C-alpha atoms as a PDB file:
ATOM      1  CA  UNK A   1     -52.346 -25.899 -20.471  1.00  0.00           C
ATOM      2  CA  UNK A   2     -54.564 -27.729 -17.724  1.00  0.00           C
ATOM      3  CA  UNK A   3     -57.144 -27.076 -15.314  1.00  0.00           C
ATOM      4  CA  UNK A   4     -59.361 -29.329 -13.158  1.00  0.00           C
ATOM      5  CA  UNK A   5     -61.627 -31.639 -15.156  1.00  0.00           C
ATOM      6  CA  UNK A   6     -64.584 -31.449 -12.583  1.00  0.00           C
ATOM      7  CA  UNK A   7     -64.583 -27.854 -12.044  1.00  0.00           C
ATOM      8  CA  UNK A   8     -67.116 -25.297 -12.934  1.00  0.00           C
ATOM      9  CA  UNK A   9     -66.961 -21.880 -11.395  1.00  0.00           C
ATOM     10  CA  UNK A  10     -69.774 -19.772 -10.661  1.00  0.00           C
ATOM     11  CA  UNK A  11     -70.439 -17.800 -13.943  1.00  0.00           C
ATOM     12  CA  UNK A  12     -72.511 -15.002 -15.243  1.00  0.00           C
ATOM     13  CA  UNK A  13     -75.775 -14.800 -17.388  1.00  0.00           C
ATOM     14  CA  UNK A  14     -74.141 -16.975 -19.824  1.00  0.00           C
ATOM     15  CA  UNK A  15     -73.559 -19.860 -17.532  1.00  0.00           C
ATOM     16  CA  UNK A  16     -70.937 -21.646 -15.569  1.00  0.00           C
ATOM     17  CA  UNK A  17     -67.453 -21.912 -16.744  1.00  0.00           C
ATOM     18  CA  UNK A  18     -65.850 -25.196 -17.487  1.00  0.00           C
ATOM     19  CA  UNK A  19     -62.008 -24.748 -17.421  1.00  0.00           C
ATOM     20  CA  UNK A  20     -61.354 -27.185 -20.280  1.00  0.00           C
ATOM     21  CA  UNK A  21     -64.028 -25.567 -22.361  1.00  0.00           C
ATOM     22  CA  UNK A  22     -62.465 -22.134 -21.727  1.00  0.00           C
ATOM     23  CA  UNK A  23     -58.890 -23.478 -22.607  1.00  0.00           C
ATOM     24  CA  UNK A  24     -60.468 -24.820 -25.825  1.00  0.00           C
ATOM     25  CA  UNK A  25     -62.521 -22.019 -26.919  1.00  0.00           C
ATOM     26  CA  UNK A  26     -60.385 -19.083 -25.889  1.00  0.00           C
ATOM     27  CA  UNK A  27     -56.776 -20.059 -24.887  1.00  0.00           C
ATOM     28  CA  UNK A  28     -56.043 -22.441 -27.646  1.00  0.00           C
ATOM     29  CA  UNK A  29     -56.334 -19.735 -30.401  1.00  0.00           C
ATOM     30  CA  UNK A  30     -53.803 -17.511 -28.650  1.00  0.00           C
ATOM     31  CA  UNK A  31     -51.336 -20.425 -29.096  1.00  0.00           C
ATOM     32  CA  UNK A  32     -51.982 -20.086 -32.947  1.00  0.00           C
ATOM     33  CA  UNK A  33     -50.034 -22.599 -35.187  1.00  0.00           C
ATOM     34  CA  UNK A  34     -47.011 -22.207 -32.991  1.00  0.00           C
ATOM     35  CA  UNK A  35     -45.239 -25.758 -33.074  1.00  0.00           C
ATOM     36  CA  UNK A  36     -43.854 -25.100 -29.500  1.00  0.00           C
ATOM     37  CA  UNK A  37     -47.364 -25.180 -27.859  1.00  0.00           C
ATOM     38  CA  UNK A  38     -48.600 -28.518 -29.215  1.00  0.00           C
ATOM     39  CA  UNK A  39     -52.011 -27.039 -29.610  1.00  0.00           C
ATOM     40  CA  UNK A  40     -51.996 -26.695 -25.785  1.00  0.00           C
ATOM     41  CA  UNK A  41     -52.963 -30.541 -25.737  1.00  0.00           C
ATOM     42  CA  UNK A  42     -50.234 -31.657 -23.473  1.00  0.00           C
ATOM     43  CA  UNK A  43     -48.729 -30.884 -20.161  1.00  0.00           C
ATOM     44  CA  UNK A  44     -45.661 -29.376 -21.458  1.00  0.00           C
ATOM     45  CA  UNK A  45     -44.093 -27.227 -24.651  1.00  0.00           C
ATOM     46  CA  UNK A  46     -41.221 -27.869 -26.417  1.00  0.00           C
ATOM     47  CA  UNK A  47     -38.585 -24.981 -27.125  1.00  0.00           C
ATOM     48  CA  UNK A  48     -36.359 -25.727 -29.716  1.00  0.00           C
ATOM     49  CA  UNK A  49     -32.549 -24.446 -29.766  1.00  0.00           C
ATOM     50  CA  UNK A  50     -31.848 -21.506 -31.803  1.00  0.00           C
ATOM     51  CA  UNK A  51     -28.342 -21.467 -32.883  1.00  0.00           C
ATOM     52  CA  UNK A  52     -26.210 -18.625 -32.108  1.00  0.00           C
ATOM     53  CA  UNK A  53     -28.746 -17.339 -29.567  1.00  0.00           C
ATOM     54  CA  UNK A  54     -29.469 -17.709 -25.633  1.00  0.00           C
ATOM     55  CA  UNK A  55     -32.994 -18.043 -24.357  1.00  0.00           C
ATOM     56  CA  UNK A  56     -33.664 -15.465 -21.771  1.00  0.00           C
ATOM     57  CA  UNK A  57     -36.231 -16.520 -19.427  1.00  0.00           C
ATOM     58  CA  UNK A  58     -38.171 -14.036 -16.762  1.00  0.00           C
ATOM     59  CA  UNK A  59     -41.256 -14.106 -14.702  1.00  0.00           C
ATOM     60  CA  UNK A  60     -43.764 -11.549 -13.081  1.00  0.00           C
ATOM     61  CA  UNK A  61     -47.044 -12.070 -11.181  1.00  0.00           C
ATOM     62  CA  UNK A  62     -49.776  -9.554 -10.706  1.00  0.00           C
ATOM     63  CA  UNK A  63     -52.653  -9.613  -7.909  1.00  0.00           C
ATOM     64  CA  UNK A  64     -55.768  -7.702  -7.832  1.00  0.00           C
ATOM     65  CA  UNK A  65     -55.467  -5.124  -4.977  1.00  0.00           C
ATOM     66  CA  UNK A  66     -51.617  -4.978  -5.289  1.00  0.00           C
ATOM     67  CA  UNK A  67     -50.653  -4.439  -9.075  1.00  0.00           C
ATOM     68  CA  UNK A  68     -53.972  -3.515 -10.372  1.00  0.00           C
ATOM     69  CA  UNK A  69     -57.312  -2.285  -9.005  1.00  0.00           C
ATOM     70  CA  UNK A  70     -60.165  -4.998  -8.548  1.00  0.00           C
ATOM     71  CA  UNK A  71     -62.357  -3.081 -10.733  1.00  0.00           C
ATOM     72  CA  UNK A  72     -59.925  -2.284 -13.605  1.00  0.00           C
ATOM     73  CA  UNK A  73     -60.974  -3.551 -17.052  1.00  0.00           C
ATOM     74  CA  UNK A  74     -59.880  -7.170 -17.506  1.00  0.00           C
ATOM     75  CA  UNK A  75     -58.404  -6.675 -21.106  1.00  0.00           C
ATOM     76  CA  UNK A  76     -56.194  -3.840 -19.521  1.00  0.00           C
ATOM     77  CA  UNK A  77     -55.235  -6.186 -16.739  1.00  0.00           C
ATOM     78  CA  UNK A  78     -54.033  -8.867 -19.091  1.00  0.00           C
ATOM     79  CA  UNK A  79     -52.134  -6.111 -21.237  1.00  0.00           C
ATOM     80  CA  UNK A  80     -50.557  -5.045 -18.132  1.00  0.00           C
ATOM     81  CA  UNK A  81     -49.595  -8.558 -17.274  1.00  0.00           C
ATOM     82  CA  UNK A  82     -48.039  -9.078 -20.660  1.00  0.00           C
ATOM     83  CA  UNK A  83     -46.057  -5.610 -20.657  1.00  0.00           C
ATOM     84  CA  UNK A  84     -44.565  -5.881 -17.106  1.00  0.00           C
ATOM     85  CA  UNK A  85     -43.183  -9.199 -18.298  1.00  0.00           C
ATOM     86  CA  UNK A  86     -41.891  -7.711 -21.612  1.00  0.00           C
ATOM     87  CA  UNK A  87     -40.264  -4.820 -19.741  1.00  0.00           C
ATOM     88  CA  UNK A  88     -38.025  -7.362 -18.241  1.00  0.00           C
ATOM     89  CA  UNK A  89     -37.135  -8.323 -21.728  1.00  0.00           C
ATOM     90  CA  UNK A  90     -36.504  -5.040 -22.791  1.00  0.00           C
ATOM     91  CA  UNK A  91     -33.833  -4.229 -20.376  1.00  0.00           C
ATOM     92  CA  UNK A  92     -32.027  -7.608 -21.195  1.00  0.00           C
ATOM     93  CA  UNK A  93     -32.006  -6.326 -24.818  1.00  0.00           C
ATOM     94  CA  UNK A  94     -33.984  -9.565 -25.705  1.00  0.00           C
ATOM     95  CA  UNK A  95     -36.479 -10.300 -28.662  1.00  0.00           C
ATOM     96  CA  UNK A  96     -40.060 -11.330 -27.391  1.00  0.00           C
ATOM     97  CA  UNK A  97     -40.883 -14.841 -28.271  1.00  0.00           C
ATOM     98  CA  UNK A  98     -43.527 -16.627 -26.215  1.00  0.00           C
ATOM     99  CA  UNK A  99     -44.979 -17.094 -22.715  1.00  0.00           C
ATOM    100  CA  UNK A 100     -46.484 -19.430 -20.412  1.00  0.00           C
ATOM    101  CA  UNK A 101     -49.658 -17.988 -18.312  1.00  0.00           C
ATOM    102  CA  UNK A 102     -51.049 -19.122 -14.812  1.00  0.00           C
ATOM    103  CA  UNK A 103     -54.202 -17.748 -13.769  1.00  0.00           C
ATOM    104  CA  UNK A 104     -56.200 -18.380 -10.678  1.00  0.00           C
ATOM    105  CA  UNK A 105     -59.793 -17.387 -10.988  1.00  0.00           C
ATOM    106  CA  UNK A 106     -62.043 -16.324  -7.722  1.00  0.00           C
ATOM    107  CA  UNK A 107     -65.683 -17.362  -8.283  1.00  0.00           C
ATOM    108  CA  UNK A 108     -68.042 -15.038 -10.287  1.00  0.00           C
ATOM    109  CA  UNK A 109     -65.662 -14.628 -13.174  1.00  0.00           C
ATOM    110  CA  UNK A 110     -67.748 -15.994 -15.919  1.00  0.00           C
ATOM    111  CA  UNK A 111     -67.473 -16.199 -19.715  1.00  0.00           C
ATOM    112  CA  UNK A 112     -67.626 -12.352 -20.201  1.00  0.00           C
ATOM    113  CA  UNK A 113     -64.836 -11.482 -17.709  1.00  0.00           C
ATOM    114  CA  UNK A 114     -62.571 -14.418 -19.299  1.00  0.00           C
ATOM    115  CA  UNK A 115     -63.334 -13.307 -22.747  1.00  0.00           C
ATOM    116  CA  UNK A 116     -62.264  -9.645 -21.863  1.00  0.00           C
ATOM    117  CA  UNK A 117     -59.134 -11.089 -20.246  1.00  0.00           C
ATOM    118  CA  UNK A 118     -58.280 -13.397 -23.375  1.00  0.00           C
ATOM    119  CA  UNK A 119     -58.991 -10.127 -25.702  1.00  0.00           C
ATOM    120  CA  UNK A 120     -56.403  -8.104 -23.852  1.00  0.00           C
ATOM    121  CA  UNK A 121     -53.785 -10.817 -24.484  1.00  0.00           C
ATOM    122  CA  UNK A 122     -54.451 -11.358 -28.141  1.00  0.00           C
ATOM    123  CA  UNK A 123     -54.323  -7.612 -28.897  1.00  0.00           C
ATOM    124  CA  UNK A 124     -50.778  -7.155 -27.056  1.00  0.00           C
ATOM    125  CA  UNK A 125     -49.483 -10.690 -28.762  1.00  0.00           C
ATOM    126  CA  UNK A 126     -50.086  -9.299 -32.124  1.00  0.00           C
ATOM    127  CA  UNK A 127     -48.551  -6.078 -31.227  1.00  0.00           C
ATOM    128  CA  UNK A 128     -45.473  -7.195 -29.655  1.00  0.00           C
ATOM    129  CA  UNK A 129     -45.162 -10.806 -31.725  1.00  0.00           C
ATOM    130  CA  UNK A 130     -45.889 -13.231 -28.993  1.00  0.00           C
ATOM    131  CA  UNK A 131     -47.638 -16.712 -28.779  1.00  0.00           C
ATOM    132  CA  UNK A 132     -49.056 -18.533 -25.913  1.00  0.00           C
ATOM    133  CA  UNK A 133     -47.276 -21.693 -25.366  1.00  0.00           C
ATOM    134  CA  UNK A 134     -48.951 -23.280 -22.392  1.00  0.00           C
ATOM    135  CA  UNK A 135     -49.414 -22.832 -18.523  1.00  0.00           C
ATOM    136  CA  UNK A 136     -52.126 -23.682 -15.992  1.00  0.00           C
ATOM    137  CA  UNK A 137     -55.755 -22.234 -15.056  1.00  0.00           C
ATOM    138  CA  UNK A 138     -57.171 -22.812 -11.541  1.00  0.00           C
ATOM    139  CA  UNK A 139     -59.618 -21.709  -9.011  1.00  0.00           C
ATOM    140  CA  UNK A 140     -59.003 -19.731  -5.879  1.00  0.00           C
ATOM    141  CA  UNK A 141     -60.945 -18.354  -2.661  1.00  0.00           C
ATOM    142  CA  UNK A 142     -58.506 -15.276  -3.083  1.00  0.00           C
ATOM    143  CA  UNK A 143     -58.158 -12.424  -5.122  1.00  0.00           C
ATOM    144  CA  UNK A 144     -57.472 -12.512  -9.231  1.00  0.00           C
ATOM    145  CA  UNK A 145     -54.038 -13.322  -9.619  1.00  0.00           C
ATOM    146  CA  UNK A 146     -52.006 -14.057 -13.008  1.00  0.00           C
ATOM    147  CA  UNK A 147     -48.634 -14.573 -13.808  1.00  0.00           C
ATOM    148  CA  UNK A 148     -46.733 -14.965 -17.080  1.00  0.00           C
ATOM    149  CA  UNK A 149     -43.329 -16.834 -17.588  1.00  0.00           C
ATOM    150  CA  UNK A 150     -41.881 -14.813 -20.568  1.00  0.00           C
ATOM    151  CA  UNK A 151     -39.440 -16.236 -23.149  1.00  0.00           C
ATOM    152  CA  UNK A 152     -36.997 -13.928 -25.176  1.00  0.00           C
ATOM    153  CA  UNK A 153     -33.842 -14.651 -27.593  1.00  0.00           C
ATOM    154  CA  UNK A 154     -30.550 -12.780 -27.285  1.00  0.00           C
ATOM    155  CA  UNK A 155     -27.453 -13.262 -29.342  1.00  0.00           C
ATOM    156  CA  UNK A 156     -25.261 -15.752 -27.442  1.00  0.00           C
ATOM    157  CA  UNK A 157     -23.528 -14.221 -24.711  1.00  0.00           C
ATOM    158  CA  UNK A 158     -24.997 -10.900 -25.210  1.00  0.00           C
ATOM    159  CA  UNK A 159     -27.646 -10.412 -22.529  1.00  0.00           C
ATOM    160  CA  UNK A 160     -27.458  -7.065 -20.723  1.00  0.00           C
ATOM    161  CA  UNK A 161     -27.245  -7.751 -17.074  1.00  0.00           C
ATOM    162  CA  UNK A 162     -27.730  -5.674 -13.840  1.00  0.00           C
ATOM    163  CA  UNK A 163     -24.325  -6.638 -12.659  1.00  0.00           C
ATOM    164  CA  UNK A 164     -21.930  -4.704 -15.372  1.00  0.00           C
ATOM    165  CA  UNK A 165     -22.095  -1.041 -14.477  1.00  0.00           C
ATOM    166  CA  UNK A 166     -18.206   0.263 -14.424  1.00  0.00           C
ATOM    167  CA  UNK A 167     -16.797   3.210 -12.686  1.00  0.00           C
ATOM    168  CA  UNK A 168     -16.933   6.388 -15.158  1.00  0.00           C
ATOM    169  CA  UNK A 169     -20.170   5.234 -16.789  1.00  0.00           C
ATOM    170  CA  UNK A 170     -22.979   7.675 -17.402  1.00  0.00           C
ATOM    171  CA  UNK A 171     -26.588   6.427 -15.854  1.00  0.00           C
ATOM    172  CA  UNK A 172     -29.593   7.034 -18.025  1.00  0.00           C
ATOM    173  CA  UNK A 173     -33.048   6.362 -18.189  1.00  0.00           C
ATOM    174  CA  UNK A 174     -35.723   6.055 -20.774  1.00  0.00           C
ATOM    175  CA  UNK A 175     -39.226   7.928 -20.869  1.00  0.00           C
ATOM    176  CA  UNK A 176     -40.326   9.984 -17.947  1.00  0.00           C
ATOM    177  CA  UNK A 177     -40.544   8.827 -14.118  1.00  0.00           C
ATOM    178  CA  UNK A 178     -43.215   9.044 -11.621  1.00  0.00           C
ATOM    179  CA  UNK A 179     -46.176   8.414 -14.093  1.00  0.00           C
ATOM    180  CA  UNK A 180     -46.881   5.114 -12.694  1.00  0.00           C
ATOM    181  CA  UNK A 181     -47.274   6.374  -9.347  1.00  0.00           C
ATOM    182  CA  UNK A 182     -49.581   9.330 -10.263  1.00  0.00           C
ATOM    183  CA  UNK A 183     -51.727   6.959 -12.466  1.00  0.00           C
ATOM    184  CA  UNK A 184     -52.351   4.878  -9.718  1.00  0.00           C
ATOM    185  CA  UNK A 185     -53.547   7.608  -7.651  1.00  0.00           C
ATOM    186  CA  UNK A 186     -55.685   8.796 -10.608  1.00  0.00           C
ATOM    187  CA  UNK A 187     -57.151   5.449 -11.277  1.00  0.00           C
ATOM    188  CA  UNK A 188     -58.328   5.266  -7.703  1.00  0.00           C
ATOM    189  CA  UNK A 189     -60.116   8.654  -8.240  1.00  0.00           C
ATOM    190  CA  UNK A 190     -57.826  10.784  -6.201  1.00  0.00           C
ATOM    191  CA  UNK A 191     -57.632  14.499  -7.014  1.00  0.00           C
ATOM    192  CA  UNK A 192     -54.211  15.294  -8.322  1.00  0.00           C
ATOM    193  CA  UNK A 193     -55.390  19.037  -9.470  1.00  0.00           C
ATOM    194  CA  UNK A 194     -54.804  18.253 -13.109  1.00  0.00           C
ATOM    195  CA  UNK A 195     -57.191  18.458 -16.029  1.00  0.00           C
ATOM    196  CA  UNK A 196     -59.588  15.629 -16.999  1.00  0.00           C
ATOM    197  CA  UNK A 197     -56.958  14.855 -19.851  1.00  0.00           C
ATOM    198  CA  UNK A 198     -54.053  14.789 -17.664  1.00  0.00           C
ATOM    199  CA  UNK A 199     -56.069  12.227 -15.171  1.00  0.00           C
ATOM    200  CA  UNK A 200     -56.729  10.171 -17.917  1.00  0.00           C
ATOM    201  CA  UNK A 201     -53.336  10.063 -19.488  1.00  0.00           C
ATOM    202  CA  UNK A 202     -51.633   9.293 -16.252  1.00  0.00           C
ATOM    203  CA  UNK A 203     -54.286   6.424 -15.452  1.00  0.00           C
ATOM    204  CA  UNK A 204     -53.443   5.019 -19.022  1.00  0.00           C
ATOM    205  CA  UNK A 205     -49.651   4.888 -18.248  1.00  0.00           C
ATOM    206  CA  UNK A 206     -50.413   2.712 -14.904  1.00  0.00           C
ATOM    207  CA  UNK A 207     -52.680   0.720 -16.816  1.00  0.00           C
ATOM    208  CA  UNK A 208     -50.974  -0.014 -19.928  1.00  0.00           C
ATOM    209  CA  UNK A 209     -47.206   0.511 -19.502  1.00  0.00           C
ATOM    210  CA  UNK A 210     -44.836   0.753 -22.674  1.00  0.00           C
ATOM    211  CA  UNK A 211     -41.947  -1.717 -22.677  1.00  0.00           C
ATOM    212  CA  UNK A 212     -39.063   0.015 -24.230  1.00  0.00           C
ATOM    213  CA  UNK A 213     -38.326  -3.108 -26.607  1.00  0.00           C
ATOM    214  CA  UNK A 214     -37.129  -0.678 -29.224  1.00  0.00           C
ATOM    215  CA  UNK A 215     -33.761   0.009 -27.290  1.00  0.00           C
ATOM    216  CA  UNK A 216     -32.776  -3.876 -27.282  1.00  0.00           C
ATOM    217  CA  UNK A 217     -30.205  -3.489 -29.940  1.00  0.00           C
ATOM    218  CA  UNK A 218     -28.558  -0.449 -28.877  1.00  0.00           C
ATOM    219  CA  UNK A 219     -28.440  -1.803 -25.416  1.00  0.00           C
ATOM    220  CA  UNK A 220     -26.591  -4.860 -26.469  1.00  0.00           C
ATOM    221  CA  UNK A 221     -24.195  -2.686 -28.326  1.00  0.00           C
ATOM    222  CA  UNK A 222     -23.595   0.042 -25.933  1.00  0.00           C
ATOM    223  CA  UNK A 223     -24.833  -0.401 -22.486  1.00  0.00           C
ATOM    224  CA  UNK A 224     -22.770  -1.971 -19.496  1.00  0.00           C
ATOM    225  CA  UNK A 225     -25.938  -2.649 -17.325  1.00  0.00           C
ATOM    226  CA  UNK A 226     -29.493  -2.467 -17.231  1.00  0.00           C
ATOM    227  CA  UNK A 227     -32.913  -2.905 -15.263  1.00  0.00           C
ATOM    228  CA  UNK A 228     -36.405  -1.681 -15.895  1.00  0.00           C
ATOM    229  CA  UNK A 229     -37.906   0.451 -13.452  1.00  0.00           C
ATOM    230  CA  UNK A 230     -40.703  -1.636 -11.731  1.00  0.00           C
ATOM    231  CA  UNK A 231     -40.245  -0.754  -7.903  1.00  0.00           C
ATOM    232  CA  UNK A 232     -39.134   2.838  -8.058  1.00  0.00           C
ATOM    233  CA  UNK A 233     -36.153   4.469 -10.014  1.00  0.00           C
ATOM    234  CA  UNK A 234     -33.984   4.621  -6.898  1.00  0.00           C
ATOM    235  CA  UNK A 235     -34.291   0.909  -5.727  1.00  0.00           C
ATOM    236  CA  UNK A 236     -33.795  -0.493  -9.059  1.00  0.00           C
ATOM    237  CA  UNK A 237     -30.582   1.859  -9.171  1.00  0.00           C
ATOM    238  CA  UNK A 238     -29.585   0.253  -6.016  1.00  0.00           C
ATOM    239  CA  UNK A 239     -30.095  -3.214  -7.634  1.00  0.00           C
ATOM    240  CA  UNK A 240     -27.401  -2.079 -10.325  1.00  0.00           C
ATOM    241  CA  UNK A 241     -25.121  -0.802  -7.792  1.00  0.00           C
ATOM    242  CA  UNK A 242     -25.238  -3.810  -5.842  1.00  0.00           C
ATOM    243  CA  UNK A 243     -25.072  -6.263  -8.522  1.00  0.00           C
ATOM    244  CA  UNK A 244     -22.178  -4.439 -10.121  1.00  0.00           C
ATOM    245  CA  UNK A 245     -20.444  -3.557  -6.725  1.00  0.00           C
ATOM    246  CA  UNK A 246     -20.255   0.166  -7.648  1.00  0.00           C
ATOM    247  CA  UNK A 247     -21.922   3.588  -6.241  1.00  0.00           C
ATOM    248  CA  UNK A 248     -24.375   5.299  -8.160  1.00  0.00           C
ATOM    249  CA  UNK A 249     -25.063   9.092  -8.012  1.00  0.00           C
ATOM    250  CA  UNK A 250     -28.427  10.335  -9.126  1.00  0.00           C
ATOM    251  CA  UNK A 251     -29.365  14.096  -9.686  1.00  0.00           C
ATOM    252  CA  UNK A 252     -33.110  14.201  -8.834  1.00  0.00           C
ATOM    253  CA  UNK A 253     -33.203  17.527 -10.691  1.00  0.00           C
ATOM    254  CA  UNK A 254     -32.446  15.791 -13.840  1.00  0.00           C
ATOM    255  CA  UNK A 255     -34.900  13.163 -13.600  1.00  0.00           C
ATOM    256  CA  UNK A 256     -37.369  13.483 -16.814  1.00  0.00           C
ATOM    257  CA  UNK A 257     -40.962  14.148 -15.951  1.00  0.00           C
ATOM    258  CA  UNK A 258     -44.261  14.176 -18.162  1.00  0.00           C
ATOM    259  CA  UNK A 259     -45.870  17.247 -18.814  1.00  0.00           C
ATOM    260  CA  UNK A 260     -48.751  15.843 -16.590  1.00  0.00           C
ATOM    261  CA  UNK A 261     -46.452  15.065 -13.713  1.00  0.00           C
ATOM    262  CA  UNK A 262     -44.861  18.264 -14.172  1.00  0.00           C
ATOM    263  CA  UNK A 263     -48.117  19.963 -13.939  1.00  0.00           C
ATOM    264  CA  UNK A 264     -48.800  17.941 -10.477  1.00  0.00           C
ATOM    265  CA  UNK A 265     -45.208  19.103  -9.314  1.00  0.00           C
ATOM    266  CA  UNK A 266     -46.069  22.606  -9.769  1.00  0.00           C
ATOM    267  CA  UNK A 267     -48.858  22.405  -7.271  1.00  0.00           C
ATOM    268  CA  UNK A 268     -46.620  20.981  -4.626  1.00  0.00           C
ATOM    269  CA  UNK A 269     -45.021  23.140  -2.036  1.00  0.00           C
ATOM    270  CA  UNK A 270     -41.690  20.885  -1.377  1.00  0.00           C
ATOM    271  CA  UNK A 271     -40.598  20.283  -5.064  1.00  0.00           C
ATOM    272  CA  UNK A 272     -37.840  18.106  -4.048  1.00  0.00           C
ATOM    273  CA  UNK A 273     -39.732  15.907  -1.678  1.00  0.00           C
ATOM    274  CA  UNK A 274     -42.383  15.678  -4.380  1.00  0.00           C
ATOM    275  CA  UNK A 275     -39.653  14.577  -6.971  1.00  0.00           C
ATOM    276  CA  UNK A 276     -38.626  11.950  -4.451  1.00  0.00           C
ATOM    277  CA  UNK A 277     -42.167  10.756  -4.407  1.00  0.00           C
ATOM    278  CA  UNK A 278     -42.039  10.266  -8.140  1.00  0.00           C
ATOM    279  CA  UNK A 279     -38.524   8.454  -8.173  1.00  0.00           C
ATOM    280  CA  UNK A 280     -39.664   6.087  -5.422  1.00  0.00           C
ATOM    281  CA  UNK A 281     -43.331   5.270  -6.808  1.00  0.00           C
ATOM    282  CA  UNK A 282     -42.596   2.398  -9.068  1.00  0.00           C
ATOM    283  CA  UNK A 283     -44.838   0.914 -11.884  1.00  0.00           C
ATOM    284  CA  UNK A 284     -43.021   3.091 -14.521  1.00  0.00           C
ATOM    285  CA  UNK A 285     -41.463   0.354 -16.656  1.00  0.00           C
ATOM    286  CA  UNK A 286     -38.728   2.415 -18.005  1.00  0.00           C
ATOM    287  CA  UNK A 287     -35.238   1.442 -18.668  1.00  0.00           C
ATOM    288  CA  UNK A 288     -32.339   2.293 -16.363  1.00  0.00           C
ATOM    289  CA  UNK A 289     -28.951   1.572 -17.915  1.00  0.00           C
ATOM    290  CA  UNK A 290     -25.269   2.589 -17.428  1.00  0.00           C
ATOM    291  CA  UNK A 291     -22.925   3.310 -20.268  1.00  0.00           C
ATOM    292  CA  UNK A 292     -19.604   4.718 -21.115  1.00  0.00           C
ATOM    293  CA  UNK A 293     -19.729   8.542 -22.208  1.00  0.00           C
ATOM    294  CA  UNK A 294     -18.942   7.607 -25.846  1.00  0.00           C
ATOM    295  CA  UNK A 295     -22.113   5.616 -25.937  1.00  0.00           C
ATOM    296  CA  UNK A 296     -24.485   8.382 -24.807  1.00  0.00           C
ATOM    297  CA  UNK A 297     -25.209   9.851 -28.127  1.00  0.00           C
ATOM    298  CA  UNK A 298     -25.734   6.488 -30.147  1.00  0.00           C
ATOM    299  CA  UNK A 299     -27.994   5.110 -27.417  1.00  0.00           C
ATOM    300  CA  UNK A 300     -29.927   8.499 -27.251  1.00  0.00           C
ATOM    301  CA  UNK A 301     -30.317   8.244 -31.165  1.00  0.00           C
ATOM    302  CA  UNK A 302     -31.507   4.734 -30.858  1.00  0.00           C
ATOM    303  CA  UNK A 303     -34.496   5.922 -28.403  1.00  0.00           C
ATOM    304  CA  UNK A 304     -35.201   8.818 -30.343  1.00  0.00           C
ATOM    305  CA  UNK A 305     -35.712   6.634 -33.519  1.00  0.00           C
ATOM    306  CA  UNK A 306     -38.460   4.888 -31.437  1.00  0.00           C
ATOM    307  CA  UNK A 307     -40.207   7.631 -30.149  1.00  0.00           C
ATOM    308  CA  UNK A 308     -38.845   8.160 -26.685  1.00  0.00           C
ATOM    309  CA  UNK A 309     -36.208  10.111 -24.795  1.00  0.00           C
ATOM    310  CA  UNK A 310     -33.343   8.868 -22.983  1.00  0.00           C
ATOM    311  CA  UNK A 311     -31.988  11.505 -20.297  1.00  0.00           C
ATOM    312  CA  UNK A 312     -28.603  11.389 -18.256  1.00  0.00           C
ATOM    313  CA  UNK A 313     -29.160  11.388 -14.726  1.00  0.00           C
ATOM    314  CA  UNK A 314     -26.345  10.325 -13.084  1.00  0.00           C
ATOM    315  CA  UNK A 315     -22.866   8.732 -12.794  1.00  0.00           C
ATOM    316  CA  UNK A 316     -21.153   5.595 -11.622  1.00  0.00           C
ATOM    317  CA  UNK A 317     -18.147   5.928  -9.210  1.00  0.00           C
ATOM    318  CA  UNK A 318     -16.055   3.662  -6.831  1.00  0.00           C
ATOM    319  CA  UNK A 319     -18.153   2.588  -3.620  1.00  0.00           C
ATOM    320  CA  UNK A 320     -21.473   0.883  -3.183  1.00  0.00           C
ATOM    321  CA  UNK A 321     -25.260   2.165  -2.702  1.00  0.00           C
ATOM    322  CA  UNK A 322     -26.934   4.926  -4.208  1.00  0.00           C
ATOM    323  CA  UNK A 323     -26.581   8.543  -3.516  1.00  0.00           C
ATOM    324  CA  UNK A 324     -29.444  11.018  -4.381  1.00  0.00           C
ATOM    325  CA  UNK A 325     -28.332  14.979  -4.942  1.00  0.00           C
ATOM    326  CA  UNK A 326     -30.466  17.991  -5.552  1.00  0.00           C
ATOM    327  CA  UNK A 327     -28.248  21.112  -6.618  1.00  0.00           C
ATOM    328  CA  UNK A 328     -25.263  19.547  -5.722  1.00  0.00           C
ATOM    329  CA  UNK A 329     -26.282  18.595  -2.289  1.00  0.00           C
ATOM    330  CA  UNK A 330     -27.060  14.958  -1.073  1.00  0.00           C
ATOM    331  CA  UNK A 331     -30.683  14.330  -0.237  1.00  0.00           C
ATOM    332  CA  UNK A 332     -31.743  11.890   2.498  1.00  0.00           C
ATOM    333  CA  UNK A 333     -34.057   9.043   1.026  1.00  0.00           C
ATOM    334  CA  UNK A 334     -36.049   7.253   3.793  1.00  0.00           C
ATOM    335  CA  UNK A 335     -37.833   4.925   1.281  1.00  0.00           C
ATOM    336  CA  UNK A 336     -36.094   3.986  -2.126  1.00  0.00           C
ATOM    337  CA  UNK A 337     -39.093   2.202  -3.541  1.00  0.00           C
ATOM    338  CA  UNK A 338     -41.777  -0.370  -3.161  1.00  0.00           C
ATOM    339  CA  UNK A 339     -41.414  -3.237  -1.244  1.00  0.00           C
ATOM    340  CA  UNK A 340     -44.055  -6.096  -0.693  1.00  0.00           C
ATOM    341  CA  UNK A 341     -45.648  -6.211   2.766  1.00  0.00           C
ATOM    342  CA  UNK A 342     -45.006  -2.618   3.407  1.00  0.00           C
END
């Protein structure tokens, strides 16, 4: 873990932040006693081989004003950072192992802010069994941004890919869809016509998504393809279809929604258009997967054991792209999901 030796950022009332002092006091404890991290005293980590397993590596970044609100609590920002990366491992059927952190701090983020960020990392490290292996910390004139390179293990040759869907497969999705998009609106203070509790629940779903790691073994055993729903269910279905060279048909009426999202839907005049809004909003971090019909029951049973639902929402056929239907009729989709630069 490295930082510029002569850097002292503008701090809060506790004084300016020296990068190496911050690493020593707050980041080094996140490495614990893991031999891979070398006490965060080097410019690299050493990852030992694990016989019979493949190392799965993924990376996601978050930026203030894009992936979280600038005034979101920093402990929740840190937890979301880890969870969006853990969601990638979950969709691959991988077991979490450790991570590398890179963070760019704007001026004005002093000791209190950084402690809050580390507290969030520490909380979710304990929950998900992770250790910090290294990374980098720098200053920036732009917004707060951070990225994680996350590592996980899968039995050799068993990682679940996007490009494995087969004609005749059933398409399934975990949990509920649309909570992330509505949660962003709730976090912004937009009126959704819901109770205070409904707003709070949706906001929490946006700020601290739940990676579906419990489904990993079942995915490896039964699923042909999988992806996490980060940019919108329809967009991510399209990525599976493209990688697998198949056509995916999604029944928007079967898309699972939470009680809070259902209450919002009830206030909308055009329910079909509103369901499309939920299906394209992103930030749900659920798992979309395809599997042969005999695998549906064991996959659903595995999800139930871990406290969430797995819902059949479509089929895989010959062809290409994604078709969305409602009441048996194709629905036009002008925007399949989130794209940077929109």
